[in-house]
Structures are given as C-alpha cells and as structure tokens.
Amino acid sequence: QVQLVESGGGLVQAGGSLRLSCAASGRTFSNYAMGWFRQAPGKEREFVATISWSGLRTYYADSVKGRFTISRDNAKNTVYLQMNSLKPEDTALYYCAAVRTYYSGGYSYTRDEYDYWGQGTQVTVSS
C-alpha cells in the first residue's frame, strides 16, 4: 500500500502561483511514477502531469505545458507541482497518484493505470 497526502492548495488570483505537495508513505516511493490529476465540478478527472521514478522524464497536458512543473524528491518521499500563471480554468480539486513502474524512465498519463490516489487538495483561481 502507498498512502498519499496532498497539501498546498488554496485561493489565488489569476496570474498567481501555488505549489502543491504530495507526501507518500508505505512502499518504496522510488519504485513508483507519480502523477497529478484534477477534477472540476461536473467534469471528469483529467491528467495534468507525470514524472518517472528517476525524475528524469516528465510529461504534461497541453493545457498546463509551460506553466506547471512537476518534480520529486525521493529522499523526502514527496512529489511537487509548481503552478505558475494560474488561470480561472485551473480551478479544480487536484489529486496526486502513484503507479508502479519497472524501469526508471516509466510514467503514465492514463488515469486508470494508477494504483493509489490521495484525497485531493482544492485549488481556486479567481478572475
């Protein structure tokens, strides 16, 4: 089992920044690729960003590319999502997720492949 706890959400004005954190516990964190997803009211949960367990490979949704940065610190069992130039359409509940991978460069942008999920942290961007 892997337990994931997100933090860092809040209310910010458009153009502002937030940094989300996701603390993991349980199984060896470095064996898991990590992802961030988000879900706005009335919409499906959508992919935001993912990072391999080595931290060397990342992939982003087109809607956040150039504005968001995913990173991880395996020594601290934590993954981060730095969000800059926030827009009202970024408002959502943000979830951290983990997927077991078997090589250092593996990652996934497919929601159904993820094994573990956090409870989410709310991000609200006002116009």
Foldseek 3Di string as FASTA:
>chain_A
DKAKAKDWADEEAAQAKIKMKIAIDDPQLLQKKKFKWWDDPPGDIFGAKIAFSLQPDMDGDPVQPPFWDWGDDSVRRMIMIIGGRDDQVVWTWMKMFIAGDDDRGDIDRDPVRTDDIYPTDTHGYHD
